[in-house]
Amino acid sequence: MEAAYASRFTTVGAGVGYRGQKRKGYMMLGTYMDFGPGYQSAHAQFGTGWKF
């Protein structure tokens, strides 16, 4: 586990979202990158949320 440990890191990213006209839900898409000493990780995220 020590080889995978990062004592500190910074996350940089951007996302865009869309909210429907009735404001009952949303969709979001983003990409993110984590930087640290000897560590880099990139990922994308997609999410939704709905009111009932």
PDB file of N, CA and C in Angstrom:
ATOM      1  N   MET A   1       0.815  -1.195   0.000  1.00  0.00           N
ATOM      2  CA  MET A   1       0.000   0.000   0.000  1.00  0.00           C
ATOM      3  C   MET A   1       0.861   1.263   0.000  1.00  0.00           C
ATOM      4  N   GLU A   2       2.041   1.232   0.579  1.00  0.00           N
ATOM      5  CA  GLU A   2       2.867   2.432   0.613  1.00  0.00           C
ATOM      6  C   GLU A   2       3.227   2.915  -0.782  1.00  0.00           C
ATOM      7  N   ALA A   3       3.430   2.006  -1.739  1.00  0.00           N
ATOM      8  CA  ALA A   3       3.792   2.416  -3.089  1.00  0.00           C
ATOM      9  C   ALA A   3       2.669   3.203  -3.759  1.00  0.00           C
ATOM     10  N   ALA A   4       1.435   2.998  -3.361  1.00  0.00           N
ATOM     11  CA  ALA A   4       0.294   3.692  -3.955  1.00  0.00           C
ATOM     12  C   ALA A   4      -0.104   4.952  -3.179  1.00  0.00           C
ATOM     13  N   TYR A   5       0.526   5.215  -2.053  1.00  0.00           N
ATOM     14  CA  TYR A   5       0.166   6.349  -1.194  1.00  0.00           C
ATOM     15  C   TYR A   5       0.719   7.655  -1.751  1.00  0.00           C
ATOM     16  N   ALA A   6      -0.095   8.700  -1.831  1.00  0.00           N
ATOM     17  CA  ALA A   6       0.333  10.046  -2.222  1.00  0.00           C
ATOM     18  C   ALA A   6       0.043  10.967  -1.042  1.00  0.00           C
ATOM     19  N   SER A   7       1.094  11.548  -0.459  1.00  0.00           N
ATOM     20  CA  SER A   7       0.908  12.380   0.732  1.00  0.00           C
ATOM     21  C   SER A   7       0.129  13.658   0.429  1.00  0.00           C
ATOM     22  N   ARG A   8       0.249  14.144  -0.785  1.00  0.00           N
ATOM     23  CA  ARG A   8      -0.536  15.311  -1.191  1.00  0.00           C
ATOM     24  C   ARG A   8      -0.694  15.279  -2.703  1.00  0.00           C
ATOM     25  N   PHE A   9      -1.804  15.821  -3.179  1.00  0.00           N
ATOM     26  CA  PHE A   9      -2.039  15.908  -4.614  1.00  0.00           C
ATOM     27  C   PHE A   9      -3.026  17.035  -4.895  1.00  0.00           C
ATOM     28  N   THR A  10      -3.071  17.454  -6.146  1.00  0.00           N
ATOM     29  CA  THR A  10      -3.966  18.515  -6.594  1.00  0.00           C
ATOM     30  C   THR A  10      -4.838  17.970  -7.710  1.00  0.00           C
ATOM     31  N   THR A  11      -6.115  18.304  -7.680  1.00  0.00           N
ATOM     32  CA  THR A  11      -7.042  17.894  -8.729  1.00  0.00           C
ATOM     33  C   THR A  11      -7.402  19.103  -9.583  1.00  0.00           C
ATOM     34  N   VAL A  12      -7.264  18.949 -10.900  1.00  0.00           N
ATOM     35  CA  VAL A  12      -7.634  19.986 -11.861  1.00  0.00           C
ATOM     36  C   VAL A  12      -8.656  19.365 -12.803  1.00  0.00           C
ATOM     37  N   GLY A  13      -9.721  20.085 -13.093  1.00  0.00           N
ATOM     38  CA  GLY A  13     -10.725  19.511 -13.975  1.00  0.00           C
ATOM     39  C   GLY A  13     -11.724  20.530 -14.468  1.00  0.00           C
ATOM     40  N   ALA A  14     -12.614  20.044 -15.319  1.00  0.00           N
ATOM     41  CA  ALA A  14     -13.671  20.886 -15.869  1.00  0.00           C
ATOM     42  C   ALA A  14     -14.887  20.013 -16.136  1.00  0.00           C
ATOM     43  N   GLY A  15     -16.051  20.614 -16.027  1.00  0.00           N
ATOM     44  CA  GLY A  15     -17.283  19.878 -16.285  1.00  0.00           C
ATOM     45  C   GLY A  15     -18.334  20.783 -16.899  1.00  0.00           C
ATOM     46  N   VAL A  16     -19.250  20.173 -17.595  1.00  0.00           N
ATOM     47  CA  VAL A  16     -20.387  20.898 -18.154  1.00  0.00           C
ATOM     48  C   VAL A  16     -21.657  20.161 -17.746  1.00  0.00           C
ATOM     49  N   GLY A  17     -22.717  20.916 -17.588  1.00  0.00           N
ATOM     50  CA  GLY A  17     -23.971  20.311 -17.179  1.00  0.00           C
ATOM     51  C   GLY A  17     -25.145  20.875 -17.947  1.00  0.00           C
ATOM     52  N   TYR A  18     -26.228  20.138 -17.919  1.00  0.00           N
ATOM     53  CA  TYR A  18     -27.472  20.548 -18.573  1.00  0.00           C
ATOM     54  C   TYR A  18     -28.612  20.322 -17.607  1.00  0.00           C
ATOM     55  N   ARG A  19     -29.432  21.338 -17.399  1.00  0.00           N
ATOM     56  CA  ARG A  19     -30.618  21.211 -16.549  1.00  0.00           C
ATOM     57  C   ARG A  19     -31.841  21.417 -17.421  1.00  0.00           C
ATOM     58  N   GLY A  20     -32.811  20.511 -17.328  1.00  0.00           N
ATOM     59  CA  GLY A  20     -34.030  20.582 -18.140  1.00  0.00           C
ATOM     60  C   GLY A  20     -34.868  21.802 -17.835  1.00  0.00           C
ATOM     61  N   GLN A  21     -35.830  22.096 -18.712  1.00  0.00           N
ATOM     62  CA  GLN A  21     -36.669  23.286 -18.572  1.00  0.00           C
ATOM     63  C   GLN A  21     -37.525  23.248 -17.312  1.00  0.00           C
ATOM     64  N   LYS A  22     -37.967  22.074 -16.901  1.00  0.00           N
ATOM     65  CA  LYS A  22     -38.818  21.970 -15.712  1.00  0.00           C
ATOM     66  C   LYS A  22     -37.994  21.855 -14.436  1.00  0.00           C
ATOM     67  N   ARG A  23     -36.662  21.874 -14.557  1.00  0.00           N
ATOM     68  CA  ARG A  23     -35.727  21.833 -13.418  1.00  0.00           C
ATOM     69  C   ARG A  23     -35.934  20.622 -12.519  1.00  0.00           C
ATOM     70  N   LYS A  24     -36.326  19.493 -13.129  1.00  0.00           N
ATOM     71  CA  LYS A  24     -36.525  18.279 -12.347  1.00  0.00           C
ATOM     72  C   LYS A  24     -35.322  17.353 -12.402  1.00  0.00           C
ATOM     73  N   GLY A  25     -34.349  17.660 -13.231  1.00  0.00           N
ATOM     74  CA  GLY A  25     -33.186  16.795 -13.318  1.00  0.00           C
ATOM     75  C   GLY A  25     -32.037  17.477 -14.028  1.00  0.00           C
ATOM     76  N   TYR A  26     -30.876  16.845 -13.976  1.00  0.00           N
ATOM     77  CA  TYR A  26     -29.712  17.383 -14.653  1.00  0.00           C
ATOM     78  C   TYR A  26     -28.798  16.252 -15.095  1.00  0.00           C
ATOM     79  N   MET A  27     -27.934  16.557 -16.051  1.00  0.00           N
ATOM     80  CA  MET A  27     -26.880  15.650 -16.495  1.00  0.00           C
ATOM     81  C   MET A  27     -25.579  16.429 -16.452  1.00  0.00           C
ATOM     82  N   MET A  28     -24.474  15.754 -16.108  1.00  0.00           N
ATOM     83  CA  MET A  28     -23.187  16.419 -16.016  1.00  0.00           C
ATOM     84  C   MET A  28     -22.096  15.509 -16.561  1.00  0.00           C
ATOM     85  N   LEU A  29     -21.127  16.089 -17.260  1.00  0.00           N
ATOM     86  CA  LEU A  29     -19.988  15.365 -17.809  1.00  0.00           C
ATOM     87  C   LEU A  29     -18.735  16.172 -17.506  1.00  0.00           C
ATOM     88  N   GLY A  30     -17.694  15.516 -17.011  1.00  0.00           N
ATOM     89  CA  GLY A  30     -16.464  16.227 -16.677  1.00  0.00           C
ATOM     90  C   GLY A  30     -15.239  15.350 -16.844  1.00  0.00           C
ATOM     91  N   THR A  31     -14.088  15.990 -16.964  1.00  0.00           N
ATOM     92  CA  THR A  31     -12.802  15.296 -16.988  1.00  0.00           C
ATOM     93  C   THR A  31     -11.918  15.914 -15.920  1.00  0.00           C
ATOM     94  N   TYR A  32     -11.102  15.077 -15.274  1.00  0.00           N
ATOM     95  CA  TYR A  32     -10.296  15.512 -14.148  1.00  0.00           C
ATOM     96  C   TYR A  32      -8.918  14.869 -14.194  1.00  0.00           C
ATOM     97  N   MET A  33      -7.924  15.553 -13.626  1.00  0.00           N
ATOM     98  CA  MET A  33      -6.561  15.042 -13.569  1.00  0.00           C
ATOM     99  C   MET A  33      -6.020  15.309 -12.170  1.00  0.00           C
ATOM    100  N   ASP A  34      -5.469  14.292 -11.533  1.00  0.00           N
ATOM    101  CA  ASP A  34      -4.825  14.416 -10.227  1.00  0.00           C
ATOM    102  C   ASP A  34      -3.317  14.435 -10.422  1.00  0.00           C
ATOM    103  N   PHE A  35      -2.633  15.409  -9.782  1.00  0.00           N
ATOM    104  CA  PHE A  35      -1.182  15.533  -9.845  1.00  0.00           C
ATOM    105  C   PHE A  35      -0.606  15.462  -8.440  1.00  0.00           C
ATOM    106  N   GLY A  36       0.510  14.789  -8.290  1.00  0.00           N
ATOM    107  CA  GLY A  36       1.218  14.740  -7.022  1.00  0.00           C
ATOM    108  C   GLY A  36       2.658  14.341  -7.275  1.00  0.00           C
ATOM    109  N   PRO A  37       3.496  14.355  -6.235  1.00  0.00           N
ATOM    110  CA  PRO A  37       4.887  13.948  -6.398  1.00  0.00           C
ATOM    111  C   PRO A  37       4.968  12.482  -6.848  1.00  0.00           C
ATOM    112  N   GLY A  38       5.387  12.256  -8.077  1.00  0.00           N
ATOM    113  CA  GLY A  38       5.484  10.906  -8.613  1.00  0.00           C
ATOM    114  C   GLY A  38       4.142  10.245  -8.881  1.00  0.00           C
ATOM    115  N   TYR A  39       3.087  11.032  -9.038  1.00  0.00           N
ATOM    116  CA  TYR A  39       1.741  10.470  -9.188  1.00  0.00           C
ATOM    117  C   TYR A  39       0.935  11.293 -10.186  1.00  0.00           C
ATOM    118  N   GLN A  40       0.255  10.634 -11.122  1.00  0.00           N
ATOM    119  CA  GLN A  40      -0.689  11.267 -12.037  1.00  0.00           C
ATOM    120  C   GLN A  40      -1.838  10.303 -12.294  1.00  0.00           C
ATOM    121  N   SER A  41      -3.045  10.837 -12.358  1.00  0.00           N
ATOM    122  CA  SER A  41      -4.212  10.009 -12.620  1.00  0.00           C
ATOM    123  C   SER A  41      -5.258  10.847 -13.348  1.00  0.00           C
ATOM    124  N   ALA A  42      -5.776  10.340 -14.450  1.00  0.00           N
ATOM    125  CA  ALA A  42      -6.811  11.039 -15.208  1.00  0.00           C
ATOM    126  C   ALA A  42      -8.097  10.228 -15.175  1.00  0.00           C
ATOM    127  N   HIS A  43      -9.241  10.914 -15.131  1.00  0.00           N
ATOM    128  CA  HIS A  43     -10.511  10.199 -15.178  1.00  0.00           C
ATOM    129  C   HIS A  43     -11.615  11.115 -15.715  1.00  0.00           C
ATOM    130  N   ALA A  44     -12.654  10.493 -16.207  1.00  0.00           N
ATOM    131  CA  ALA A  44     -13.849  11.189 -16.686  1.00  0.00           C
ATOM    132  C   ALA A  44     -15.012  10.782 -15.791  1.00  0.00           C
ATOM    133  N   GLN A  45     -15.988  11.668 -15.688  1.00  0.00           N
ATOM    134  CA  GLN A  45     -17.126  11.401 -14.815  1.00  0.00           C
ATOM    135  C   GLN A  45     -18.408  11.823 -15.515  1.00  0.00           C
ATOM    136  N   PHE A  46     -19.428  10.992 -15.424  1.00  0.00           N
ATOM    137  CA  PHE A  46     -20.756  11.294 -15.954  1.00  0.00           C
ATOM    138  C   PHE A  46     -21.752  11.085 -14.822  1.00  0.00           C
ATOM    139  N   GLY A  47     -22.652  12.021 -14.638  1.00  0.00           N
ATOM    140  CA  GLY A  47     -23.626  11.874 -13.559  1.00  0.00           C
ATOM    141  C   GLY A  47     -24.974  12.464 -13.926  1.00  0.00           C
ATOM    142  N   THR A  48     -25.980  12.008 -13.216  1.00  0.00           N
ATOM    143  CA  THR A  48     -27.344  12.529 -13.378  1.00  0.00           C
ATOM    144  C   THR A  48     -27.965  12.696 -12.002  1.00  0.00           C
ATOM    145  N   GLY A  49     -28.963  13.523 -11.919  1.00  0.00           N
ATOM    146  CA  GLY A  49     -29.732  13.718 -10.700  1.00  0.00           C
ATOM    147  C   GLY A  49     -31.152  14.073 -11.056  1.00  0.00           C
ATOM    148  N   TRP A  50     -32.105  13.563 -10.299  1.00  0.00           N
ATOM    149  CA  TRP A  50     -33.522  13.775 -10.609  1.00  0.00           C
ATOM    150  C   TRP A  50     -34.306  14.069  -9.340  1.00  0.00           C
ATOM    151  N   LYS A  51     -35.242  15.014  -9.417  1.00  0.00           N
ATOM    152  CA  LYS A  51     -36.172  15.295  -8.328  1.00  0.00           C
ATOM    153  C   LYS A  51     -37.445  14.504  -8.562  1.00  0.00           C
ATOM    154  N   PHE A  52     -38.020  13.991  -7.498  1.00  0.00           N
ATOM    155  CA  PHE A  52     -39.292  13.264  -7.601  1.00  0.00           C
ATOM    156  C   PHE A  52     -40.375  13.995  -6.867  1.00  0.00           C
TER     157      PHE A  52
END
